[in-house]
Amino acid sequence: MPAAPRRGLARLVTATLREPMVLLLISAAALYLVPGDLGAALFLCLGAAVSVTLVVAQEARTERDLVRLRHLAEPMARVIRDGAERKVPSRDLVPGEVILVGEGERLPADSVLLSGDALTVDESALTGEAVAVTKRPRGGHRR
């Protein structure tokens, strides 16, 4: 999931103030000030302020949740680093690194099979072919 640019609080408030319903409430408040009905004008301004506050709070919560969701959806890989198994983001893989892959897992990079038993790989995302390819240790393969 690509990261969307985060909007600051000032931008959220400005965008919310430009919404038609908020503009309507503020315009109505200004119209009530013309004959001098301060109570109605303040009531409408209070309604606009509550509306802006709720929208900004919801937008901020949504952005925070999207960041968490992006983190959960980030592809991870199991690797051997410093003699121990670790789980790292796939983007942090380096050439020559040993990647551990189990049944049903996706290979996060172009790889050479060092060891394994009866490994079949679905390469359809890369080649477009629907037939799974059998891989042998040390990079050999056959169909």
C-alpha atoms as a PDB file:
ATOM      1  CA  MET A   1       0.000   0.000   0.000  1.00  0.00           C
ATOM      2  CA  PRO A   2       1.672   3.252  -1.032  1.00  0.00           C
ATOM      3  CA  ALA A   3       2.074   5.838   1.671  1.00  0.00           C
ATOM      4  CA  ALA A   4      -0.166   8.866   1.273  1.00  0.00           C
ATOM      5  CA  PRO A   5       1.253  12.206   2.323  1.00  0.00           C
ATOM      6  CA  ARG A   6       0.226  13.026   5.872  1.00  0.00           C
ATOM      7  CA  ARG A   7      -1.780  16.184   6.307  1.00  0.00           C
ATOM      8  CA  GLY A   8      -1.062  18.413   9.252  1.00  0.00           C
ATOM      9  CA  LEU A   9      -3.688  19.709  11.672  1.00  0.00           C
ATOM     10  CA  ALA A  10      -3.821  23.134  10.002  1.00  0.00           C
ATOM     11  CA  ARG A  11      -4.496  21.570   6.592  1.00  0.00           C
ATOM     12  CA  LEU A  12      -7.211  19.326   8.017  1.00  0.00           C
ATOM     13  CA  VAL A  13      -8.938  22.300   9.653  1.00  0.00           C
ATOM     14  CA  THR A  14      -8.631  24.412   6.481  1.00  0.00           C
ATOM     15  CA  ALA A  15     -10.037  21.627   4.305  1.00  0.00           C
ATOM     16  CA  THR A  16     -12.912  21.083   6.736  1.00  0.00           C
ATOM     17  CA  LEU A  17     -13.733  24.797   6.854  1.00  0.00           C
ATOM     18  CA  ARG A  18     -14.135  24.716   3.059  1.00  0.00           C
ATOM     19  CA  GLU A  19     -16.815  22.015   3.186  1.00  0.00           C
ATOM     20  CA  PRO A  20     -20.247  23.210   1.997  1.00  0.00           C
ATOM     21  CA  MET A  21     -22.122  22.425   5.228  1.00  0.00           C
ATOM     22  CA  VAL A  22     -19.639  24.337   7.379  1.00  0.00           C
ATOM     23  CA  LEU A  23     -19.681  27.278   4.956  1.00  0.00           C
ATOM     24  CA  LEU A  24     -23.485  27.240   5.088  1.00  0.00           C
ATOM     25  CA  LEU A  25     -23.479  27.355   8.914  1.00  0.00           C
ATOM     26  CA  ILE A  26     -20.971  30.221   8.981  1.00  0.00           C
ATOM     27  CA  SER A  27     -22.910  32.135   6.294  1.00  0.00           C
ATOM     28  CA  ALA A  28     -26.161  31.666   8.209  1.00  0.00           C
ATOM     29  CA  ALA A  29     -24.449  32.927  11.380  1.00  0.00           C
ATOM     30  CA  ALA A  30     -23.286  36.035   9.507  1.00  0.00           C
ATOM     31  CA  LEU A  31     -26.826  36.616   8.221  1.00  0.00           C
ATOM     32  CA  TYR A  32     -28.215  36.394  11.779  1.00  0.00           C
ATOM     33  CA  LEU A  33     -25.752  39.105  12.826  1.00  0.00           C
ATOM     34  CA  VAL A  34     -27.265  41.572  10.319  1.00  0.00           C
ATOM     35  CA  PRO A  35     -30.495  42.085  12.295  1.00  0.00           C
ATOM     36  CA  GLY A  36     -28.541  41.748  15.540  1.00  0.00           C
ATOM     37  CA  ASP A  37     -29.562  38.232  16.635  1.00  0.00           C
ATOM     38  CA  LEU A  38     -26.308  37.445  18.442  1.00  0.00           C
ATOM     39  CA  GLY A  39     -27.708  34.342  20.203  1.00  0.00           C
ATOM     40  CA  ALA A  40     -28.645  32.563  16.972  1.00  0.00           C
ATOM     41  CA  ALA A  41     -25.349  33.577  15.338  1.00  0.00           C
ATOM     42  CA  LEU A  42     -23.330  32.180  18.266  1.00  0.00           C
ATOM     43  CA  PHE A  43     -25.409  28.997  18.256  1.00  0.00           C
ATOM     44  CA  LEU A  44     -24.678  28.432  14.549  1.00  0.00           C
ATOM     45  CA  CYS A  45     -20.967  29.200  15.072  1.00  0.00           C
ATOM     46  CA  LEU A  46     -20.918  26.686  17.921  1.00  0.00           C
ATOM     47  CA  GLY A  47     -22.513  24.097  15.619  1.00  0.00           C
ATOM     48  CA  ALA A  48     -19.880  24.800  12.961  1.00  0.00           C
ATOM     49  CA  ALA A  49     -17.076  24.501  15.540  1.00  0.00           C
ATOM     50  CA  VAL A  50     -18.417  21.171  16.813  1.00  0.00           C
ATOM     51  CA  SER A  51     -18.734  19.901  13.243  1.00  0.00           C
ATOM     52  CA  VAL A  52     -15.166  20.944  12.373  1.00  0.00           C
ATOM     53  CA  THR A  53     -13.816  19.367  15.575  1.00  0.00           C
ATOM     54  CA  LEU A  54     -15.563  16.051  14.903  1.00  0.00           C
ATOM     55  CA  VAL A  55     -14.440  15.898  11.269  1.00  0.00           C
ATOM     56  CA  VAL A  56     -10.816  16.764  12.123  1.00  0.00           C
ATOM     57  CA  ALA A  57     -10.738  14.180  14.928  1.00  0.00           C
ATOM     58  CA  GLN A  58     -12.162  11.508  12.614  1.00  0.00           C
ATOM     59  CA  GLU A  59      -9.706  12.366   9.814  1.00  0.00           C
ATOM     60  CA  ALA A  60      -6.756  12.226  12.223  1.00  0.00           C
ATOM     61  CA  ARG A  61      -7.933   8.851  13.547  1.00  0.00           C
ATOM     62  CA  THR A  62      -8.361   7.550   9.990  1.00  0.00           C
ATOM     63  CA  GLU A  63      -4.839   8.627   9.003  1.00  0.00           C
ATOM     64  CA  ARG A  64      -3.403   6.957  12.121  1.00  0.00           C
ATOM     65  CA  ASP A  65      -5.299   3.732  11.338  1.00  0.00           C
ATOM     66  CA  LEU A  66      -4.076   3.777   7.725  1.00  0.00           C
ATOM     67  CA  VAL A  67      -0.474   4.027   8.925  1.00  0.00           C
ATOM     68  CA  ARG A  68      -1.052   0.994  11.162  1.00  0.00           C
ATOM     69  CA  LEU A  69      -2.703  -0.886   8.300  1.00  0.00           C
ATOM     70  CA  ARG A  70       0.212  -0.117   5.974  1.00  0.00           C
ATOM     71  CA  HIS A  71       2.558  -1.498   8.604  1.00  0.00           C
ATOM     72  CA  LEU A  72       0.509  -4.710   8.885  1.00  0.00           C
ATOM     73  CA  ALA A  73       0.359  -5.145   5.102  1.00  0.00           C
ATOM     74  CA  GLU A  74       4.093  -4.632   4.631  1.00  0.00           C
ATOM     75  CA  PRO A  75       5.712  -7.758   3.153  1.00  0.00           C
ATOM     76  CA  MET A  76       8.029  -9.444   5.643  1.00  0.00           C
ATOM     77  CA  ALA A  77      10.774 -12.031   5.186  1.00  0.00           C
ATOM     78  CA  ARG A  78      12.375 -14.520   7.558  1.00  0.00           C
ATOM     79  CA  VAL A  79      16.160 -14.315   7.294  1.00  0.00           C
ATOM     80  CA  ILE A  80      19.263 -15.565   9.058  1.00  0.00           C
ATOM     81  CA  ARG A  81      21.203 -12.583  10.424  1.00  0.00           C
ATOM     82  CA  ASP A  82      24.026 -12.805  12.924  1.00  0.00           C
ATOM     83  CA  GLY A  83      23.341 -16.532  13.248  1.00  0.00           C
ATOM     84  CA  ALA A  84      19.725 -16.049  14.348  1.00  0.00           C
ATOM     85  CA  GLU A  85      16.372 -16.153  12.576  1.00  0.00           C
ATOM     86  CA  ARG A  86      14.793 -12.703  12.276  1.00  0.00           C
ATOM     87  CA  LYS A  87      11.724 -11.250  10.623  1.00  0.00           C
ATOM     88  CA  VAL A  88      12.528  -8.122   8.584  1.00  0.00           C
ATOM     89  CA  PRO A  89      10.682  -5.982   6.023  1.00  0.00           C
ATOM     90  CA  SER A  90      11.326  -7.332   2.509  1.00  0.00           C
ATOM     91  CA  ARG A  91      12.651  -3.944   1.408  1.00  0.00           C
ATOM     92  CA  ASP A  92      15.533  -4.365   3.903  1.00  0.00           C
ATOM     93  CA  LEU A  93      16.843  -7.564   2.292  1.00  0.00           C
ATOM     94  CA  VAL A  94      20.421  -7.415   1.027  1.00  0.00           C
ATOM     95  CA  PRO A  95      22.065  -9.454  -1.757  1.00  0.00           C
ATOM     96  CA  GLY A  96      23.473 -12.756  -0.519  1.00  0.00           C
ATOM     97  CA  GLU A  97      21.177 -12.953   2.483  1.00  0.00           C
ATOM     98  CA  VAL A  98      19.751 -16.361   3.453  1.00  0.00           C
ATOM     99  CA  ILE A  99      15.944 -16.254   3.296  1.00  0.00           C
ATOM    100  CA  LEU A 100      13.825 -18.899   5.022  1.00  0.00           C
ATOM    101  CA  VAL A 101      10.638 -19.835   3.176  1.00  0.00           C
ATOM    102  CA  GLY A 102       7.919 -22.181   4.401  1.00  0.00           C
ATOM    103  CA  GLU A 103       4.825 -23.691   2.849  1.00  0.00           C
ATOM    104  CA  GLY A 104       2.431 -21.077   1.495  1.00  0.00           C
ATOM    105  CA  GLU A 105       4.867 -18.182   1.964  1.00  0.00           C
ATOM    106  CA  ARG A 106       5.876 -15.814  -0.808  1.00  0.00           C
ATOM    107  CA  LEU A 107       9.459 -15.418  -1.899  1.00  0.00           C
ATOM    108  CA  PRO A 108      10.246 -11.758  -1.263  1.00  0.00           C
ATOM    109  CA  ALA A 109      13.105 -11.558  -3.788  1.00  0.00           C
ATOM    110  CA  ASP A 110      14.823 -13.250  -6.702  1.00  0.00           C
ATOM    111  CA  SER A 111      16.511 -16.171  -4.967  1.00  0.00           C
ATOM    112  CA  VAL A 112      18.667 -19.257  -5.317  1.00  0.00           C
ATOM    113  CA  LEU A 113      17.418 -22.400  -3.576  1.00  0.00           C
ATOM    114  CA  LEU A 114      20.155 -23.659  -1.258  1.00  0.00           C
ATOM    115  CA  SER A 115      18.266 -26.579   0.287  1.00  0.00           C
ATOM    116  CA  GLY A 116      14.759 -27.957   0.442  1.00  0.00           C
ATOM    117  CA  ASP A 117      12.439 -30.821  -0.450  1.00  0.00           C
ATOM    118  CA  ALA A 118      10.060 -30.938  -3.436  1.00  0.00           C
ATOM    119  CA  LEU A 119       9.697 -27.199  -3.793  1.00  0.00           C
ATOM    120  CA  THR A 120       7.168 -26.032  -6.365  1.00  0.00           C
ATOM    121  CA  VAL A 121       6.858 -22.359  -7.093  1.00  0.00           C
ATOM    122  CA  ASP A 122       3.961 -20.466  -8.649  1.00  0.00           C
ATOM    123  CA  GLU A 123       5.739 -17.943 -10.877  1.00  0.00           C
ATOM    124  CA  SER A 124       2.552 -16.730 -12.570  1.00  0.00           C
ATOM    125  CA  ALA A 125       2.960 -13.222 -11.150  1.00  0.00           C
ATOM    126  CA  LEU A 126       6.330 -12.977 -12.922  1.00  0.00           C
ATOM    127  CA  THR A 127       5.904 -15.066 -16.074  1.00  0.00           C
ATOM    128  CA  GLY A 128       2.150 -15.202 -16.595  1.00  0.00           C
ATOM    129  CA  GLU A 129       2.290 -19.000 -16.864  1.00  0.00           C
ATOM    130  CA  ALA A 130      -0.210 -20.872 -14.714  1.00  0.00           C
ATOM    131  CA  VAL A 131       1.938 -24.019 -14.354  1.00  0.00           C
ATOM    132  CA  ALA A 132       3.910 -24.331 -11.111  1.00  0.00           C
ATOM    133  CA  VAL A 133       7.662 -24.825 -11.536  1.00  0.00           C
ATOM    134  CA  THR A 134       9.595 -27.421  -9.517  1.00  0.00           C
ATOM    135  CA  LYS A 135      12.850 -26.097  -8.071  1.00  0.00           C
ATOM    136  CA  ARG A 136      15.943 -28.038  -7.033  1.00  0.00           C
ATOM    137  CA  PRO A 137      18.621 -26.940  -4.564  1.00  0.00           C
ATOM    138  CA  ARG A 138      21.407 -24.730  -5.982  1.00  0.00           C
ATOM    139  CA  GLY A 139      19.193 -23.011  -8.550  1.00  0.00           C
ATOM    140  CA  GLY A 140      18.438 -25.881 -10.970  1.00  0.00           C
ATOM    141  CA  HIS A 141      14.810 -26.213 -12.069  1.00  0.00           C
ATOM    142  CA  ARG A 142      12.576 -28.357 -14.255  1.00  0.00           C
ATOM    143  CA  ARG A 143       8.918 -28.324 -15.199  1.00  0.00           C
END
